[in-house]
Amino acid sequence: MDVSFFESQSYFLFRPVSQSSLQESLGVKRVLLLLLFLTQSRHQQYLLLLLLKLELAMAIEGKMKEAEGVVEVMIQRGVDPDVVAYNTLMDGYCLQGHMDEAMRVFNAMVDKGLHPNVFTYNILINGYCKKMKIDEAMHLFRELPRRGLKPGNATFSAMLRGLFQTGRCGAAQKLFNGMQAAGIIPNSVTYGILLDGLCKNGNISKALSLFHMMESNSLHLNVVMYNILIDAFCKDKKLDTARSLFSNLSSKGLQPDVKKYTTMIQGLCEEGLLYEAKELFVKMEQNHCLPSDVTYNTVIRGFIEQHKCYEELILVEEMVQRGFSIDASTFPLIVDILSTKGQDPALQEVIKKFMPKDSRGMQDIE
């Protein structure tokens, strides 16, 4: 086997690993040939790269025993696994929620004399936060300075998300203040987590104040941040504030997407403002934003709740003709209308166009 074989296959080493490409990437015959070539050559750096890629692919698929087997192959081939290899293993275990296994790998890495880096701690902190084990995450967070490591935006973001998810708003605010005092400038992800955490914990006034502070300081306000606030104020029945935020989008050069339109439409429907909701529904298409299944179902449920049966069924007919689907929460409401309205011919003609003929609800009515 000569270098030309390696060069012809080198794209395999450098292609990004994704779930859809794993079967192709992990062709056994090709992998074995590459391993044979690399172990018989001086291309040890490429051997390491191949093994790391195999390990990453296995971790993505959740095949952690196989991923650890790749590390064993490294050792057998005289290639010492580095921090990246151990981080990959830890990340795989964290993705599966197996924090004990992730810590076992961490301790094994330290026992071998390797020094964890910030990415190592980010992986573990994020894993513990997703499991709602905030005390363990905080312990690792406080360990960073002792190892001479400085937490970055990703580290603080993971901790903030975890604290908010467990309702520790005061601790989250204190951590955020400490982040700024340490000279770390929050990025848009961190601010988004802060806004979302405040809103979901009932502190929407504080979230709005933070938003206005960002605006006055000319910080970047993205569509995600707007949607967080619009959703929160709609759910809190404060439609004037939600409308104001929604109308500001275009002045900021931001185009509302289907999620924002749907959020606003849902807020209007829940307050019984059906015709304003319908106007916004029409306006979104005029602004070249197509509705989704969720948008249609939201408007339809709004009309049903206000007993606007005919308007609702006309919308259903339009929805089905355009290829959208009735969801599981809307379908029984429509059946209920037919049950209570009896044999209204106009309604029956509309409903027959979208109701499955073998539907139990339809049989009951007939």
Protein backbone atom coordinates (compact mmCIF):
# COMPACT_ATOMS: atom_id res chain seq x y z
CA MET A 1 0.00 0.00 0.00
CA ASP A 2 1.47 3.36 -0.99
CA VAL A 3 0.84 7.00 -0.25
CA SER A 4 -1.47 7.34 -3.25
CA PHE A 5 -4.01 5.12 -1.47
CA PHE A 6 -3.92 7.34 1.59
CA GLU A 7 -4.26 10.47 -0.54
CA SER A 8 -7.23 9.01 -2.41
CA GLN A 9 -8.95 8.30 0.91
CA SER A 10 -7.81 11.37 2.82
CA TYR A 11 -11.16 13.12 2.38
CA PHE A 12 -12.57 10.55 4.79
CA LEU A 13 -10.37 11.86 7.56
CA PHE A 14 -11.33 15.47 7.14
CA ARG A 15 -15.04 15.23 6.40
CA PRO A 16 -17.26 16.43 9.27
CA VAL A 17 -19.03 13.62 11.07
CA SER A 18 -22.82 13.76 11.08
CA GLN A 19 -25.54 11.32 12.00
CA SER A 20 -26.56 10.86 8.35
CA SER A 21 -23.05 10.13 7.13
CA LEU A 22 -21.99 7.64 9.81
CA GLN A 23 -22.78 4.50 7.86
CA GLU A 24 -20.79 5.77 4.90
CA SER A 25 -17.98 7.13 7.07
CA LEU A 26 -17.55 3.92 9.01
CA GLY A 27 -17.13 1.52 6.08
CA VAL A 28 -15.27 -1.29 7.86
CA LYS A 29 -13.09 -2.35 4.96
CA ARG A 30 -11.87 1.16 4.25
CA VAL A 31 -11.22 1.87 7.94
CA LEU A 32 -9.17 -1.32 8.33
CA LEU A 33 -7.14 -0.55 5.22
CA LEU A 34 -6.43 2.96 6.47
CA LEU A 35 -5.44 1.67 9.90
CA LEU A 36 -3.12 -0.91 8.32
CA PHE A 37 -1.50 1.73 6.14
CA LEU A 38 -1.12 4.26 8.91
CA THR A 39 0.32 1.84 11.45
CA GLN A 40 2.93 0.77 8.90
CA SER A 41 3.89 4.32 8.04
CA ARG A 42 5.09 7.47 9.68
CA HIS A 43 1.72 9.15 9.44
CA GLN A 44 0.99 8.88 13.15
CA GLN A 45 -0.83 12.20 13.17
CA TYR A 46 -3.27 10.87 10.61
CA LEU A 47 -3.73 7.69 12.62
CA LEU A 48 -4.68 9.82 15.63
CA LEU A 49 -7.07 11.85 13.50
CA LEU A 50 -8.74 8.72 12.14
CA LEU A 51 -9.10 7.19 15.57
CA LEU A 52 -10.49 10.41 17.00
CA LYS A 53 -12.99 10.56 14.17
CA LEU A 54 -14.06 6.98 14.79
CA GLU A 55 -14.44 7.74 18.47
CA LEU A 56 -16.53 10.84 17.75
CA ALA A 57 -18.76 8.92 15.34
CA MET A 58 -19.39 6.20 17.91
CA ALA A 59 -20.14 8.79 20.60
CA ILE A 60 -22.63 10.57 18.35
CA GLU A 61 -24.47 7.28 17.84
CA GLY A 62 -24.40 6.57 21.56
CA LYS A 63 -22.16 3.52 21.12
CA MET A 64 -20.01 4.29 24.12
CA LYS A 65 -18.49 0.83 24.55
CA GLU A 66 -17.32 0.99 20.95
CA ALA A 67 -16.02 4.53 21.50
CA GLU A 68 -14.00 3.36 24.51
CA GLY A 69 -12.77 0.52 22.33
CA VAL A 70 -11.34 3.07 19.93
CA VAL A 71 -9.36 4.57 22.82
CA GLU A 72 -8.03 1.09 23.61
CA VAL A 73 -6.95 0.75 19.97
CA MET A 74 -5.08 4.03 20.29
CA ILE A 75 -3.17 2.71 23.29
CA GLN A 76 -2.44 -0.62 21.58
CA ARG A 77 -1.12 1.21 18.52
CA GLY A 78 1.19 3.32 20.62
CA VAL A 79 -0.87 6.46 20.31
CA ASP A 80 -1.59 8.02 23.71
CA PRO A 81 -5.15 9.39 23.88
CA ASP A 82 -5.09 13.13 24.47
CA VAL A 83 -7.54 15.48 26.18
CA VAL A 84 -9.61 15.72 22.98
CA ALA A 85 -10.12 11.94 22.97
CA TYR A 86 -11.21 11.90 26.61
CA ASN A 87 -13.43 14.95 26.10
CA THR A 88 -15.17 13.12 23.26
CA LEU A 89 -15.89 10.16 25.52
CA MET A 90 -17.18 12.40 28.30
CA ASP A 91 -19.40 14.30 25.88
CA GLY A 92 -20.90 11.04 24.62
CA TYR A 93 -21.73 9.91 28.15
CA CYS A 94 -23.14 13.33 29.06
CA LEU A 95 -25.39 13.30 26.00
CA GLN A 96 -26.82 10.03 27.29
CA GLY A 97 -27.17 11.43 30.81
CA HIS A 98 -24.63 8.97 32.25
CA MET A 99 -22.77 11.40 34.47
CA ASP A 100 -21.14 8.73 36.64
CA GLU A 101 -19.49 7.27 33.54
CA ALA A 102 -18.45 10.74 32.37
CA MET A 103 -16.77 11.39 35.73
CA ARG A 104 -15.08 7.99 35.58
CA VAL A 105 -13.50 9.01 32.26
CA PHE A 106 -12.56 12.40 33.74
CA ASN A 107 -10.79 10.78 36.69
CA ALA A 108 -9.04 8.28 34.40
CA MET A 109 -7.75 11.17 32.30
CA VAL A 110 -6.42 13.01 35.36
CA ASP A 111 -4.82 9.80 36.68
CA LYS A 112 -2.88 9.53 33.42
CA GLY A 113 -1.38 12.96 34.02
CA LEU A 114 -3.49 14.83 31.48
CA HIS A 115 -4.78 18.27 32.36
CA PRO A 116 -8.49 19.00 31.78
CA ASN A 117 -9.19 22.13 29.76
CA VAL A 118 -12.13 24.54 29.77
CA PHE A 119 -13.93 22.40 27.19
CA THR A 120 -13.68 19.43 29.57
CA TYR A 121 -15.39 21.40 32.32
CA ASN A 122 -17.98 22.85 29.94
CA ILE A 123 -18.98 19.31 28.90
CA LEU A 124 -19.38 18.13 32.48
CA ILE A 125 -21.08 21.28 33.76
CA ASN A 126 -23.55 21.20 30.88
CA GLY A 127 -24.20 17.52 31.52
CA TYR A 128 -24.92 18.03 35.21
CA CYS A 129 -27.13 21.04 34.52
CA LYS A 130 -29.23 19.05 32.04
CA LYS A 131 -29.71 16.45 34.77
CA MET A 132 -30.73 19.24 37.17
CA LYS A 133 -27.76 18.45 39.41
CA ILE A 134 -26.79 22.05 39.94
CA ASP A 135 -24.72 21.54 43.09
CA GLU A 136 -22.42 19.13 41.25
CA ALA A 137 -22.18 21.57 38.34
CA MET A 138 -21.35 24.44 40.69
CA HIS A 139 -18.65 22.35 42.37
CA LEU A 140 -16.94 21.87 38.99
CA PHE A 141 -17.44 25.54 38.13
CA ARG A 142 -15.63 26.59 41.33
CA GLU A 143 -12.85 24.13 40.58
CA LEU A 144 -11.86 25.96 37.38
CA PRO A 145 -9.77 28.72 39.03
CA ARG A 146 -7.94 26.14 41.13
CA ARG A 147 -6.77 24.51 37.91
CA GLY A 148 -5.72 27.84 36.46
CA LEU A 149 -8.63 27.87 34.01
CA LYS A 150 -10.87 30.81 33.21
CA PRO A 151 -14.56 30.14 32.48
CA GLY A 152 -15.88 31.67 29.27
CA ASN A 153 -19.30 32.52 27.88
CA ALA A 154 -20.13 28.86 27.25
CA THR A 155 -19.36 27.96 30.87
CA PHE A 156 -21.39 30.80 32.34
CA SER A 157 -24.25 30.14 29.89
CA ALA A 158 -24.49 26.49 30.95
CA MET A 159 -24.53 27.44 34.64
CA LEU A 160 -27.08 30.21 34.13
CA ARG A 161 -29.40 27.89 32.21
CA GLY A 162 -29.15 25.29 34.96
CA LEU A 163 -29.80 27.78 37.74
CA PHE A 164 -32.86 29.22 36.00
CA GLN A 165 -34.24 25.75 35.22
CA THR A 166 -34.17 24.93 38.92
CA GLY A 167 -35.73 28.25 39.91
CA ARG A 168 -32.60 29.76 41.46
CA CYS A 169 -33.08 33.20 39.96
CA GLY A 170 -31.16 35.04 42.68
CA ALA A 171 -28.13 32.79 42.25
CA ALA A 172 -28.33 33.21 38.49
CA GLN A 173 -28.40 37.01 38.77
CA LYS A 174 -25.44 36.90 41.17
CA LEU A 175 -23.51 34.68 38.78
CA PHE A 176 -24.26 37.01 35.87
CA ASN A 177 -23.03 40.01 37.87
CA GLY A 178 -19.87 38.08 38.75
CA MET A 179 -19.36 37.27 35.08
CA GLN A 180 -19.42 40.96 34.17
CA ALA A 181 -17.21 41.88 37.14
CA ALA A 182 -14.65 39.37 35.85
CA GLY A 183 -14.50 41.28 32.57
CA ILE A 184 -16.28 38.63 30.50
CA ILE A 185 -18.61 40.27 28.00
CA PRO A 186 -21.86 38.30 27.66
CA ASN A 187 -22.69 37.25 24.13
CA SER A 188 -26.13 36.99 22.54
CA VAL A 189 -26.54 33.38 23.70
CA THR A 190 -25.89 34.35 27.33
CA TYR A 191 -28.30 37.29 27.15
CA GLY A 192 -30.92 35.04 25.54
CA ILE A 193 -30.60 32.54 28.40
CA LEU A 194 -30.93 35.36 30.92
CA LEU A 195 -34.06 36.78 29.26
CA ASP A 196 -35.62 33.34 28.90
CA GLY A 197 -34.80 32.39 32.48
CA LEU A 198 -36.28 35.56 33.91
CA CYS A 199 -39.46 35.22 31.84
CA LYS A 200 -40.02 31.55 32.67
CA ASN A 201 -39.59 32.28 36.36
CA GLY A 202 -42.20 35.04 36.33
CA ASN A 203 -39.80 38.00 36.28
CA ILE A 204 -40.95 39.48 32.99
CA SER A 205 -40.59 43.08 34.20
CA LYS A 206 -36.92 42.43 34.98
CA ALA A 207 -36.53 40.77 31.60
CA LEU A 208 -38.02 43.80 29.84
CA SER A 209 -35.75 46.15 31.82
CA LEU A 210 -32.73 44.08 30.78
CA PHE A 211 -33.94 44.16 27.17
CA HIS A 212 -34.27 47.96 27.24
CA MET A 213 -30.80 48.24 28.82
CA MET A 214 -29.37 46.17 25.97
CA GLU A 215 -31.22 48.36 23.48
CA SER A 216 -29.95 51.60 25.01
CA ASN A 217 -26.39 50.26 25.02
CA SER A 218 -26.69 49.35 21.33
CA LEU A 219 -26.22 45.65 22.04
CA HIS A 220 -27.30 43.20 19.38
CA LEU A 221 -30.96 42.23 19.76
CA ASN A 222 -31.85 39.20 17.69
CA VAL A 223 -35.15 37.62 16.73
CA VAL A 224 -34.80 34.93 19.43
CA MET A 225 -34.77 37.57 22.16
CA TYR A 226 -37.84 39.29 20.74
CA ASN A 227 -39.71 36.00 20.56
CA ILE A 228 -38.87 35.17 24.19
CA LEU A 229 -40.41 38.45 25.35
CA ILE A 230 -43.38 38.42 22.97
CA ASP A 231 -44.26 34.91 24.10
CA ALA A 232 -43.91 35.84 27.78
CA PHE A 233 -46.09 38.95 27.54
CA CYS A 234 -48.73 37.13 25.50
CA LYS A 235 -48.92 34.39 28.13
CA ASP A 236 -49.14 37.06 30.84
CA LYS A 237 -52.08 38.65 28.98
CA LYS A 238 -50.14 41.89 28.46
CA LEU A 239 -50.90 42.26 24.77
CA ASP A 240 -50.07 45.97 24.53
CA THR A 241 -46.44 45.26 25.42
CA ALA A 242 -46.40 42.22 23.14
CA ARG A 243 -47.82 44.30 20.26
CA SER A 244 -45.24 47.02 20.85
CA LEU A 245 -42.37 44.53 20.75
CA PHE A 246 -43.80 42.85 17.66
CA SER A 247 -44.23 46.13 15.80
CA ASN A 248 -40.64 47.14 16.65
CA LEU A 249 -39.22 44.19 14.73
CA SER A 250 -39.43 45.81 11.30
CA SER A 251 -37.94 49.09 12.56
CA LYS A 252 -34.94 47.10 13.81
CA GLY A 253 -34.50 45.46 10.43
CA LEU A 254 -35.78 42.14 11.73
CA GLN A 255 -38.39 40.16 9.84
CA PRO A 256 -40.90 38.24 11.96
CA ASP A 257 -40.80 34.52 11.19
CA VAL A 258 -43.68 32.05 11.35
CA LYS A 259 -42.99 31.33 15.02
CA LYS A 260 -43.34 34.98 16.00
CA TYR A 261 -46.48 35.48 13.97
CA THR A 262 -47.98 32.33 15.50
CA THR A 263 -47.06 33.43 19.02
CA MET A 264 -48.72 36.81 18.50
CA ILE A 265 -51.78 35.26 16.85
CA GLN A 266 -52.17 32.82 19.74
CA GLY A 267 -52.02 35.68 22.26
CA LEU A 268 -54.75 37.56 20.40
CA CYS A 269 -56.93 34.44 20.11
CA GLU A 270 -56.63 33.69 23.81
CA GLU A 271 -57.91 37.20 24.56
CA GLY A 272 -60.84 36.70 22.19
CA LEU A 273 -59.51 39.20 19.63
CA LEU A 274 -60.29 36.89 16.72
CA TYR A 275 -60.59 39.37 13.93
CA GLU A 276 -57.34 41.08 14.87
CA ALA A 277 -55.77 37.62 14.92
CA LYS A 278 -57.26 36.87 11.49
CA GLU A 279 -55.95 40.19 10.13
CA LEU A 280 -52.45 39.32 11.35
CA PHE A 281 -52.85 35.86 9.85
CA VAL A 282 -53.59 37.44 6.46
CA LYS A 283 -50.83 40.03 6.88
CA MET A 284 -48.15 37.40 7.48
CA GLU A 285 -48.71 35.96 4.00
CA GLN A 286 -48.74 39.43 2.50
CA ASN A 287 -45.30 39.83 4.08
CA HIS A 288 -44.15 36.60 2.39
CA CYS A 289 -44.25 34.50 5.55
CA LEU A 290 -46.20 31.29 5.01
CA PRO A 291 -48.25 29.93 7.91
CA SER A 292 -47.54 26.50 9.37
CA ASP A 293 -49.77 23.70 10.63
CA VAL A 294 -49.39 25.24 14.09
CA THR A 295 -50.54 28.67 12.85
CA TYR A 296 -53.68 27.28 11.23
CA ASN A 297 -54.56 25.11 14.23
CA THR A 298 -54.06 28.08 16.55
CA VAL A 299 -56.49 30.31 14.61
CA ILE A 300 -59.02 27.48 14.21
CA ARG A 301 -59.03 26.71 17.94
CA GLY A 302 -59.48 30.43 18.61
CA PHE A 303 -62.66 30.51 16.48
CA ILE A 304 -63.93 27.27 18.04
CA GLU A 305 -63.52 28.65 21.57
CA GLN A 306 -65.59 31.71 20.58
CA HIS A 307 -68.25 29.47 18.97
CA LYS A 308 -67.57 30.87 15.48
CA CYS A 309 -68.26 27.50 13.89
CA TYR A 310 -68.82 28.45 10.26
CA GLU A 311 -65.74 30.71 10.08
CA GLU A 312 -63.71 27.98 11.72
CA LEU A 313 -64.80 25.30 9.24
CA ILE A 314 -64.09 27.58 6.27
CA LEU A 315 -60.56 27.94 7.65
CA VAL A 316 -60.31 24.17 8.02
CA GLU A 317 -61.34 23.68 4.41
CA GLU A 318 -58.72 26.21 3.26
CA MET A 319 -56.11 24.58 5.47
CA VAL A 320 -56.68 21.09 4.11
CA GLN A 321 -56.80 22.28 0.50
CA ARG A 322 -53.36 23.82 1.00
CA GLY A 323 -51.92 20.59 2.37
CA PHE A 324 -51.76 21.50 6.06
CA SER A 325 -52.80 19.06 8.78
CA ILE A 326 -55.28 19.17 11.64
CA ASP A 327 -53.52 18.30 14.88
CA ALA A 328 -54.65 15.95 17.64
CA SER A 329 -55.93 18.74 19.90
CA THR A 330 -58.01 20.43 17.18
CA PHE A 331 -59.62 17.33 15.66
CA PRO A 332 -61.86 16.36 18.63
CA LEU A 333 -63.05 19.98 18.92
CA ILE A 334 -64.28 19.83 15.33
CA VAL A 335 -66.02 16.53 15.98
CA ASP A 336 -67.65 18.07 19.03
CA ILE A 337 -69.02 20.92 16.92
CA LEU A 338 -70.67 18.47 14.56
CA SER A 339 -72.12 16.59 17.51
CA THR A 340 -73.72 19.72 18.97
CA LYS A 341 -74.74 21.39 15.69
CA GLY A 342 -76.51 18.35 14.34
CA GLN A 343 -77.07 17.90 10.63
CA ASP A 344 -76.49 21.43 9.34
CA PRO A 345 -76.04 20.75 5.57
CA ALA A 346 -73.61 23.64 5.07
CA LEU A 347 -71.34 22.41 7.86
CA GLN A 348 -71.60 18.80 6.70
CA GLU A 349 -70.53 19.68 3.17
CA VAL A 350 -67.47 21.49 4.47
CA ILE A 351 -66.52 18.79 6.95
CA LYS A 352 -66.76 15.95 4.42
CA LYS A 353 -63.88 17.50 2.49
CA PHE A 354 -61.36 16.92 5.26
CA MET A 355 -62.82 14.42 7.78
CA PRO A 356 -61.71 10.80 7.23
CA LYS A 357 -64.78 8.78 6.25
CA ASP A 358 -63.87 5.98 8.64
CA SER A 359 -63.48 8.42 11.54
CA ARG A 360 -65.30 7.26 14.65
CA GLY A 361 -66.46 10.82 15.29
CA MET A 362 -68.00 11.02 11.81
CA GLN A 363 -69.74 7.69 12.23
CA ASP A 364 -71.26 8.79 15.51
CA ILE A 365 -72.68 11.94 13.89
CA GLU A 366 -74.10 10.14 10.90
